[in-house]
Each structure stands twice: as structure tokens, then as C-alpha cells.
Protein backbone atom coordinates (compact mmCIF):
# COMPACT_ATOMS: atom_id res chain seq x y z
CA MET A 1 -83.76 29.85 -29.85
CA ALA A 2 -81.82 28.00 -27.17
CA LYS A 3 -78.74 30.04 -28.02
CA LEU A 4 -80.66 33.33 -27.92
CA GLY A 5 -82.24 32.33 -24.62
CA ARG A 6 -78.81 31.65 -23.13
CA GLU A 7 -77.57 35.04 -24.36
CA LEU A 8 -80.46 36.79 -22.63
CA ARG A 9 -79.73 34.90 -19.42
CA THR A 10 -76.11 36.08 -19.46
CA LYS A 11 -77.49 39.64 -19.57
CA GLY A 12 -79.44 38.97 -16.38
CA PHE A 13 -82.89 38.21 -17.79
CA ASP A 14 -85.02 35.43 -16.31
CA VAL A 15 -85.82 33.37 -19.40
CA ILE A 16 -88.32 30.53 -19.07
CA ASP A 17 -87.52 27.73 -21.48
CA LEU A 18 -90.56 26.24 -23.18
CA SER A 19 -88.48 25.11 -26.15
CA LEU A 20 -87.11 22.05 -24.34
CA GLY A 21 -87.08 18.84 -26.36
CA GLU A 22 -86.13 16.55 -23.51
CA PRO A 23 -87.62 15.37 -20.23
CA ASP A 24 -86.73 17.60 -17.28
CA PHE A 25 -86.36 14.49 -15.10
CA ASP A 26 -83.14 12.77 -14.04
CA THR A 27 -82.30 9.27 -15.22
CA PRO A 28 -83.73 6.75 -12.71
CA ASP A 29 -81.24 5.66 -10.05
CA HIS A 30 -81.28 1.95 -10.90
CA ILE A 31 -80.17 2.76 -14.45
CA LYS A 32 -77.38 5.02 -13.21
CA GLU A 33 -76.22 2.30 -10.82
CA ALA A 34 -76.04 -0.15 -13.73
CA ALA A 35 -73.71 2.25 -15.53
CA ILE A 36 -71.51 2.66 -12.46
CA THR A 37 -71.28 -1.10 -12.10
CA ALA A 38 -70.35 -1.41 -15.79
CA ILE A 39 -67.49 1.05 -15.31
CA ARG A 40 -66.21 -0.88 -12.30
CA ASP A 41 -66.52 -4.14 -14.23
CA ASN A 42 -64.37 -2.69 -17.03
CA TRP A 43 -66.90 -2.54 -19.86
CA SER A 44 -64.50 -0.14 -21.52
CA HIS A 45 -63.63 -1.72 -24.87
CA TYR A 46 -64.94 -1.44 -28.40
CA THR A 47 -68.46 -2.74 -28.85
CA PRO A 48 -69.96 -4.73 -31.75
CA VAL A 49 -71.26 -2.41 -34.48
CA SER A 50 -74.80 -3.75 -34.09
CA GLY A 51 -74.71 -3.69 -30.28
CA PHE A 52 -74.08 -6.24 -27.55
CA LEU A 53 -76.01 -9.46 -28.16
CA ASP A 54 -77.70 -9.43 -24.75
CA LEU A 55 -78.91 -5.86 -25.33
CA ARG A 56 -80.31 -6.75 -28.75
CA GLU A 57 -82.05 -9.70 -27.11
CA ALA A 58 -83.47 -7.30 -24.53
CA VAL A 59 -84.79 -5.07 -27.31
CA CYS A 60 -86.51 -8.12 -28.80
CA THR A 61 -88.01 -8.94 -25.40
CA LYS A 62 -89.25 -5.36 -25.04
CA LEU A 63 -90.82 -5.36 -28.52
CA LEU A 64 -92.65 -8.59 -27.76
CA ARG A 65 -93.71 -7.48 -24.28
CA ASP A 66 -94.91 -3.99 -25.19
CA ASN A 67 -95.78 -4.23 -28.89
CA GLN A 68 -96.49 -7.89 -29.61
CA LEU A 69 -93.78 -7.78 -32.28
CA VAL A 70 -91.54 -10.79 -32.89
CA TYR A 71 -87.96 -10.00 -33.86
CA GLU A 72 -84.62 -11.78 -33.58
CA PRO A 73 -81.34 -10.12 -32.54
CA GLY A 74 -80.31 -10.09 -36.22
CA ASN A 75 -83.15 -7.63 -36.86
CA ILE A 76 -81.88 -5.15 -34.27
CA ILE A 77 -79.22 -2.46 -34.68
CA VAL A 78 -78.21 -0.39 -31.65
CA SER A 79 -77.04 3.13 -32.46
CA THR A 80 -75.75 6.32 -30.89
CA GLY A 81 -79.21 7.79 -30.42
CA ALA A 82 -82.43 7.40 -32.40
CA LYS A 83 -81.23 10.17 -34.73
CA GLN A 84 -78.43 7.89 -35.93
CA SER A 85 -80.95 5.07 -36.27
CA LEU A 86 -83.04 7.29 -38.54
CA ALA A 87 -79.98 8.35 -40.53
CA ASN A 88 -78.85 4.76 -41.01
CA ALA A 89 -82.25 3.75 -42.34
CA VAL A 90 -82.65 6.72 -44.68
CA LEU A 91 -79.15 6.29 -46.11
CA ALA A 92 -79.70 2.56 -46.52
CA LEU A 93 -83.03 2.91 -48.32
CA VAL A 94 -83.04 6.19 -50.25
CA ASP A 95 -81.12 6.77 -53.46
CA GLU A 96 -80.75 9.93 -55.52
CA ASP A 97 -84.12 11.29 -56.74
CA ASP A 98 -86.13 8.77 -54.73
CA GLU A 99 -89.18 10.39 -53.19
CA VAL A 100 -89.87 10.28 -49.46
CA ILE A 101 -93.34 11.13 -48.21
CA ILE A 102 -93.37 13.04 -44.91
CA PRO A 103 -96.56 14.28 -43.24
CA THR A 104 -96.38 17.79 -41.82
CA PRO A 105 -95.67 18.86 -39.16
CA PHE A 106 -92.59 16.70 -38.73
CA TRP A 107 -89.44 16.58 -36.65
CA VAL A 108 -86.91 18.87 -38.29
CA THR A 109 -84.28 16.20 -39.00
CA TYR A 110 -86.50 14.09 -41.28
CA SER A 111 -86.31 16.33 -44.33
CA GLU A 112 -82.62 17.07 -43.81
CA LEU A 113 -81.74 13.36 -43.78
CA VAL A 114 -83.58 12.91 -47.07
CA LYS A 115 -81.57 15.79 -48.54
CA ILE A 116 -78.32 14.18 -47.35
CA ALA A 117 -79.37 11.00 -49.17
CA ARG A 118 -80.13 13.15 -52.26
CA GLY A 119 -83.75 12.15 -52.17
CA LYS A 120 -86.75 14.41 -52.66
CA VAL A 121 -89.23 15.25 -49.91
CA VAL A 122 -92.94 15.10 -50.67
CA HIS A 123 -95.00 16.74 -47.94
CA ILE A 124 -98.54 15.76 -46.98
CA PRO A 125 -100.12 18.57 -44.96
CA SER A 126 -102.13 17.97 -41.82
CA TYR A 127 -104.00 20.62 -39.91
CA THR A 128 -105.22 21.62 -36.49
CA HIS A 129 -108.79 20.72 -37.42
CA THR A 130 -107.73 17.19 -38.47
CA GLY A 131 -105.81 16.61 -35.24
CA PHE A 132 -102.59 16.83 -37.24
CA LYS A 133 -103.24 13.43 -38.80
CA ILE A 134 -103.32 12.45 -42.45
CA THR A 135 -105.71 10.12 -44.24
CA PRO A 136 -105.11 7.04 -46.41
CA GLU A 137 -106.48 9.03 -49.35
CA GLN A 138 -103.82 11.69 -48.89
CA VAL A 139 -101.09 9.05 -48.85
CA GLU A 140 -102.44 7.37 -51.96
CA SER A 141 -102.50 10.70 -53.80
CA ALA A 142 -98.90 11.47 -52.82
CA ILE A 143 -97.48 8.15 -54.06
CA SER A 144 -95.70 8.13 -57.40
CA LYS A 145 -93.45 5.73 -59.30
CA LYS A 146 -90.49 7.31 -57.51
CA THR A 147 -91.83 6.87 -53.96
CA LYS A 148 -89.39 4.86 -51.88
CA LEU A 149 -90.18 5.69 -48.27
CA PHE A 150 -92.90 6.97 -45.97
CA LEU A 151 -91.47 8.62 -42.84
CA PHE A 152 -93.52 9.65 -39.82
CA SER A 153 -93.78 9.58 -36.03
CA SER A 154 -96.49 8.52 -33.61
CA PRO A 155 -96.64 10.03 -31.02
CA CYS A 156 -95.57 13.03 -33.08
CA ASN A 157 -93.07 15.74 -32.36
CA PRO A 158 -94.21 18.56 -32.52
CA SER A 159 -97.98 18.05 -32.64
CA GLY A 160 -98.44 15.28 -30.06
CA ALA A 161 -100.72 13.41 -32.47
CA VAL A 162 -101.08 9.68 -31.81
CA TYR A 163 -102.52 7.39 -34.49
CA THR A 164 -105.07 4.83 -33.36
CA LYS A 165 -104.92 1.21 -34.47
CA GLU A 166 -107.81 1.83 -36.85
CA GLU A 167 -106.10 4.87 -38.39
CA LEU A 168 -102.88 2.92 -38.87
CA ALA A 169 -104.87 0.05 -40.42
CA GLY A 170 -106.10 2.49 -43.05
CA LEU A 171 -102.54 3.53 -43.88
CA ALA A 172 -101.40 -0.11 -43.91
CA THR A 173 -104.06 -0.92 -46.52
CA VAL A 174 -102.54 1.68 -48.83
CA PHE A 175 -99.02 0.33 -48.39
CA GLU A 176 -100.20 -3.21 -49.06
CA LYS A 177 -100.97 -2.05 -52.60
CA HIS A 178 -97.48 -0.61 -53.07
CA PRO A 179 -94.96 -3.37 -52.22
CA ASP A 180 -91.88 -1.30 -53.18
CA ILE A 181 -92.44 1.35 -50.52
CA PHE A 182 -90.74 1.15 -47.13
CA ILE A 183 -92.10 2.75 -43.96
CA LEU A 184 -89.87 4.39 -41.36
CA SER A 185 -91.81 4.59 -38.09
CA ASP A 186 -90.29 6.84 -35.44
CA GLU A 187 -91.69 5.67 -32.09
CA ILE A 188 -89.30 7.44 -29.73
CA TYR A 189 -92.21 8.95 -27.74
CA GLU A 190 -93.92 5.59 -27.30
CA TYR A 191 -93.99 5.70 -23.50
CA ILE A 192 -95.15 9.34 -23.34
CA ASN A 193 -98.58 8.42 -24.63
CA PHE A 194 -101.69 9.66 -22.84
CA THR A 195 -104.16 7.40 -24.68
CA GLY A 196 -103.05 4.27 -22.84
CA ASP A 197 -102.23 2.35 -26.01
CA HIS A 198 -99.37 2.51 -28.47
CA PHE A 199 -99.73 0.96 -31.91
CA SER A 200 -97.18 0.50 -34.68
CA LEU A 201 -97.46 -0.08 -38.41
CA ALA A 202 -95.14 -3.03 -37.85
CA GLN A 203 -98.06 -4.78 -36.14
CA PHE A 204 -99.72 -5.33 -39.53
CA PRO A 205 -98.26 -8.62 -40.82
CA LYS A 206 -98.62 -7.92 -44.55
CA ILE A 207 -96.30 -4.90 -44.41
CA LYS A 208 -94.12 -5.74 -41.38
CA ASP A 209 -91.06 -6.65 -43.45
CA ARG A 210 -91.10 -3.17 -44.99
CA VAL A 211 -91.48 -1.30 -41.72
CA VAL A 212 -88.37 0.00 -39.97
CA VAL A 213 -89.18 0.76 -36.34
CA VAL A 214 -87.01 3.38 -34.66
CA ASN A 215 -87.01 3.81 -30.90
CA GLY A 216 -84.62 4.64 -28.10
CA LEU A 217 -84.17 5.55 -24.45
CA SER A 218 -83.99 9.34 -24.55
CA LYS A 219 -87.63 10.24 -23.94
CA GLY A 220 -89.13 7.32 -22.06
CA PHE A 221 -86.21 6.85 -19.66
CA ALA A 222 -84.93 10.44 -19.40
CA MET A 223 -81.64 9.40 -20.97
CA THR A 224 -81.13 12.07 -23.65
CA GLY A 225 -77.42 12.54 -22.95
CA TRP A 226 -76.70 8.82 -22.88
CA ARG A 227 -77.34 8.53 -26.66
CA LEU A 228 -78.92 5.14 -27.26
CA GLY A 229 -81.33 4.35 -30.08
CA TYR A 230 -82.23 1.21 -32.00
CA THR A 231 -83.93 -0.03 -35.12
CA ALA A 232 -85.97 -3.16 -35.65
CA ALA A 233 -86.19 -4.14 -39.30
CA HIS A 234 -86.03 -6.93 -41.85
CA ALA A 235 -82.63 -8.62 -41.68
CA GLU A 236 -81.51 -7.21 -45.06
CA VAL A 237 -82.30 -3.65 -43.99
CA ALA A 238 -80.63 -4.25 -40.62
CA LYS A 239 -77.46 -5.48 -42.33
CA ALA A 240 -77.40 -2.39 -44.55
CA CYS A 241 -77.79 -0.14 -41.50
CA GLU A 242 -74.97 -2.02 -39.78
CA LYS A 243 -72.64 -1.50 -42.76
CA ILE A 244 -73.36 2.23 -42.82
CA GLN A 245 -72.96 2.65 -39.07
CA GLY A 246 -69.70 0.72 -39.20
CA GLN A 247 -68.19 3.46 -41.35
CA PHE A 248 -69.49 6.35 -39.23
CA THR A 249 -69.31 5.57 -35.52
CA SER A 250 -69.01 1.80 -35.14
CA GLY A 251 -70.72 0.50 -31.98
CA ALA A 252 -72.57 2.62 -29.44
CA ASN A 253 -71.02 3.55 -26.09
CA SER A 254 -70.30 0.46 -23.99
CA ILE A 255 -71.40 1.91 -20.64
CA THR A 256 -74.61 3.27 -22.12
CA GLN A 257 -75.41 -0.14 -23.56
CA ARG A 258 -75.07 -1.81 -20.14
CA ALA A 259 -77.32 0.84 -18.62
CA ALA A 260 -79.80 0.37 -21.47
CA LEU A 261 -79.98 -3.34 -20.75
CA THR A 262 -81.14 -2.54 -17.24
CA ALA A 263 -83.59 0.11 -18.45
CA LEU A 264 -85.30 -2.21 -20.92
CA THR A 265 -85.55 -5.20 -18.59
CA SER A 266 -86.47 -3.46 -15.32
CA ASP A 267 -89.72 -2.21 -13.83
CA LEU A 268 -91.25 0.59 -15.90
CA ARG A 269 -92.68 2.31 -12.85
CA PRO A 270 -90.37 5.39 -13.09
CA THR A 271 -91.30 5.77 -16.76
CA LYS A 272 -95.01 5.58 -15.96
CA GLU A 273 -94.64 8.10 -13.15
CA MET A 274 -92.91 10.50 -15.52
CA ARG A 275 -95.66 10.02 -18.10
CA ASN A 276 -98.31 10.70 -15.47
CA GLU A 277 -96.61 13.94 -14.51
CA PHE A 278 -96.48 15.00 -18.16
CA ALA A 279 -100.20 14.22 -18.41
CA ARG A 280 -100.88 16.44 -15.40
CA ARG A 281 -98.89 19.28 -16.93
CA LYS A 282 -100.61 18.82 -20.27
CA GLU A 283 -104.04 19.29 -18.71
CA ARG A 284 -102.89 22.52 -17.08
CA VAL A 285 -101.26 23.85 -20.25
CA ILE A 286 -104.43 23.21 -22.25
CA GLU A 287 -106.40 25.21 -19.65
CA LEU A 288 -103.92 28.08 -19.91
CA VAL A 289 -103.85 28.10 -23.71
CA LYS A 290 -107.65 28.10 -23.97
CA ASN A 291 -107.74 31.30 -21.92
CA ILE A 292 -105.69 33.19 -24.51
CA PRO A 293 -107.79 34.71 -27.33
CA GLY A 294 -106.77 33.78 -30.86
CA LEU A 295 -104.79 30.62 -30.11
CA ILE A 296 -106.17 27.45 -31.68
CA CYS A 297 -104.76 24.37 -30.01
CA ASN A 298 -105.41 20.64 -30.16
CA GLU A 299 -104.99 18.60 -27.04
CA PRO A 300 -101.94 16.38 -27.65
CA ASP A 301 -102.31 12.65 -27.08
CA GLY A 302 -98.58 12.10 -26.65
CA ALA A 303 -95.10 13.67 -26.36
CA PHE A 304 -94.69 16.82 -24.24
CA TYR A 305 -95.57 19.70 -26.54
CA VAL A 306 -98.50 21.84 -27.54
CA PHE A 307 -98.49 23.20 -31.08
CA PRO A 308 -101.05 26.00 -31.31
CA ASP A 309 -101.98 27.88 -34.47
CA VAL A 310 -100.93 31.47 -33.76
CA SER A 311 -101.86 33.00 -37.12
CA ALA A 312 -104.52 35.22 -35.49
CA TYR A 313 -101.63 37.39 -34.33
CA PHE A 314 -100.05 37.82 -37.75
CA GLY A 315 -100.30 41.43 -38.88
CA LYS A 316 -100.50 42.81 -35.34
CA LYS A 317 -97.98 45.36 -34.13
CA ASP A 318 -95.54 45.68 -31.28
CA GLY A 319 -95.04 49.41 -31.51
CA ASP A 320 -93.69 49.95 -35.01
CA ASP A 321 -92.76 46.30 -35.53
CA ILE A 322 -95.23 44.08 -37.38
CA ILE A 323 -95.64 40.39 -36.51
CA LYS A 324 -95.51 38.87 -39.99
CA ASN A 325 -95.21 35.17 -39.14
CA ALA A 326 -94.63 32.56 -36.45
CA GLY A 327 -90.92 33.32 -36.44
CA ASP A 328 -91.58 36.96 -35.63
CA LEU A 329 -94.03 36.00 -32.91
CA SER A 330 -91.62 33.49 -31.38
CA MET A 331 -88.90 36.16 -31.27
CA PHE A 332 -91.38 38.67 -29.82
CA LEU A 333 -92.23 36.26 -27.01
CA LEU A 334 -88.54 35.69 -26.30
CA ASN A 335 -87.66 39.38 -26.17
CA LYS A 336 -90.88 40.72 -24.64
CA ALA A 337 -92.01 37.88 -22.34
CA HIS A 338 -88.62 36.19 -21.97
CA VAL A 339 -90.14 32.84 -22.90
CA SER A 340 -88.39 30.64 -25.45
CA SER A 341 -90.30 28.50 -27.95
CA VAL A 342 -89.72 27.02 -31.41
CA MET A 343 -91.37 28.49 -34.52
CA GLY A 344 -93.42 26.07 -36.58
CA ASP A 345 -91.52 26.76 -39.80
CA ALA A 346 -88.85 24.37 -38.53
CA PHE A 347 -91.47 21.60 -38.45
CA GLY A 348 -93.05 22.39 -41.79
CA ASP A 349 -96.01 24.38 -40.42
CA PRO A 350 -95.46 28.16 -40.52
CA SER A 351 -98.75 28.97 -38.78
CA CYS A 352 -97.84 27.32 -35.47
CA ILE A 353 -95.38 27.55 -32.59
CA ARG A 354 -94.19 24.64 -30.46
CA PHE A 355 -94.23 25.06 -26.69
CA SER A 356 -92.86 22.34 -24.43
CA PHE A 357 -94.26 21.32 -21.06
CA ALA A 358 -91.05 19.53 -20.10
CA ASN A 359 -90.53 22.00 -17.29
CA SER A 360 -91.77 22.44 -13.74
CA MET A 361 -95.41 23.39 -13.16
CA ASP A 362 -94.32 26.69 -11.60
CA LYS A 363 -92.24 27.58 -14.65
CA ILE A 364 -95.02 26.50 -17.00
CA GLU A 365 -97.65 28.64 -15.27
CA GLU A 366 -95.37 31.66 -15.08
CA GLY A 367 -94.34 31.20 -18.72
CA TRP A 368 -97.93 31.13 -19.94
CA ARG A 369 -98.83 34.12 -17.76
CA ARG A 370 -96.08 36.07 -19.49
CA ILE A 371 -97.17 34.83 -22.93
CA SER A 372 -100.76 35.92 -22.28
CA GLU A 373 -99.65 39.33 -21.07
CA ALA A 374 -97.32 39.87 -24.03
CA LEU A 375 -99.89 38.79 -26.62
CA SER A 376 -102.50 41.10 -25.12
CA SER A 377 -100.13 44.03 -25.71
CA LEU A 378 -100.15 43.52 -29.49
CA LYS A 379 -102.38 45.92 -31.40
């Protein structure tokens, strides 16, 4: 969709991008200054595979400060983005024919990483009317003798669902009964959380050693291009991740690591201001979506997306062309309204489309005006 949007722009069309998967903010100045200082101080050599010790200590400090989680530097692996952190963990834990339970909708990379590891994906569906959350009973039913890993995110991309402490406690109770199952908890959207509280499955002591927490700086610090992610895990899992990473990329970028040290140990005010702006945009987007007949949309509790069910428009026509699915509708909106989005099939939910609100309020309002106008033209 991004590629098609760019092609339309080169032809002179004004395309509004609501497919963005990154904050539209610049990296805070104090973090950029830390990187500039690192360059001047000649932090230009190979880095340890697991990351600089002081940065891993800073990650531990952050996890204790924000999540009440106690880790040592030996539990932390710093990677070239949270995607590499996820890949390390999946490759370390999943063998051929192992089953990995993934609730839908899910970030597109999850299932592909399992395929790379030659594992098998087992989906648990969630729905608009359940707030895109699954229940302990669903997890229990999905577990088999081959289950090795449960992989999910909270806050979730694309749905924006955020699990409460009580909901996570219910899931933790299930995993307590199955001591051979690991949990991979993607918490990259932790700071873009509109509920005020972030909870992790790692906060439940009986399963903590089997939880691999993945986080990073891309979303909460507007540092997508800097590529810095990390895992917090039991020392044996961390060592396995380090071995794998050592054969792929070795250590993460030295300058990024010095900037990350500043990001994690400095005032979070810029992060909170960014979150507050996303919250303001979210409220406006929900108002705009509710004014469009046929769209069914939950209010997201985190991340910066809405994920409405658009199936009411399936079977409608644009002239002689029939909208058969979310992919057709997403393409229709791109070509008719010149608004880019991402079809839900990519996230395991073919009835929905993901729209980002990581764009200016003016662009968001104009984009949704165009969407409303285009949808009203379908017969």
C-alpha cells in the first residue's frame, strides 16, 4: 500500500497516508544530542553482541521503574530493532513442528517468524464485540502437546487492545498449568497506552521465567529509524538469543545505543506529550468513524490505529466493480479517495481495515472526509 501510494503521488495525486506504522513526531532533541556527542566521542567501534553493559543496566532500571520487574544485565539482549528481538526469541524457542498460539488480529511478522522457524501457527480468533481480546478458556482449548509458545502484544497492533491486570491474571493461571509453554510478550507500544496503566505477564511470579518481554524505542521515543529493541528473559533464553544474534548482525549500532541510554534514563515528558496528542487524535477519529454508516469500530486503548469492521460494504459496487473483501475496499479507498490504509487480511482478520492516526489532525480529518464520501458512493 505504501508503494502504491507513492506511485500515485508521483502522478500528481494528493494521497493521505493513514497506513503509517510509526509516530509522525521527530526524535526528541536531547536524544539526538546524545547521539551527536557519541559520534564526537568516537563511539564508532564494534559493540558487544548483547549490548553495552551500561545500556543493559539502564534497561533493567527502566523495567524496575515502570514495570516493577527485577532483571539483571545478563537477562537483557539489545538488538537491531524489536523485530530482531522477536526473531531471536522465536528462533531460540521454536523447533520444527512446534505449535505457536497467536491471537488474531496480530502484527504481520509474528506468523512469518514462526514459519521461518518451521513451527506451526495456531490462531485464536478475537472479535470486535470482544474488544479484540481472547479468554483463558480459548487459550486452554488451543493448547496441545505440541504447544511451545504463546505470542501476543499488548497494546496490540492493529487493534489497539490493551489487556488489564485482571485479564492477564486469567491467562497466567492457564500457563501455570502448562510449565513447558513459553510466552513472548510484545510490549513495544507500552508508552502509547491511553488507560494509564501498562501490565505485563512477566509481572506474575509463577510464570516470569517463561515470559520473554520484547520492547524497544521505536514507538515510545519516535526512534523508528534508529533501530533499537531489547528482550528481557531468563538467562538461558537470553544466552540463546545472544548466540543467534551473534551469527546474524552481532551488536546493535553503537551510536544508537548511546542515544538509547539517554532515552531510557531521561525525563519521559516528551513521550507523555506524544501519547497525549495521540489520545486527542484518537478521540477525534472515533467521532469521525461513528458518523460513517456500516463501520463497526472499537475504541482503542493503546497504539495509534483504529481497526473497524468494514464487512457491511462487501458486495457493494463501484460502477461495475464489486467490493468482495477488505482488500478490494482498501484499494478502492486508495484509488477513489486517495487515502492509504492496510487491509485486515495481513493481520489475520479479513473483515477489517487498519487506519493509522499517526498523522496531523488536518490530514486525519481530510482523510476521513474523503473516506466517508467515497463509501457513500458505493451502491
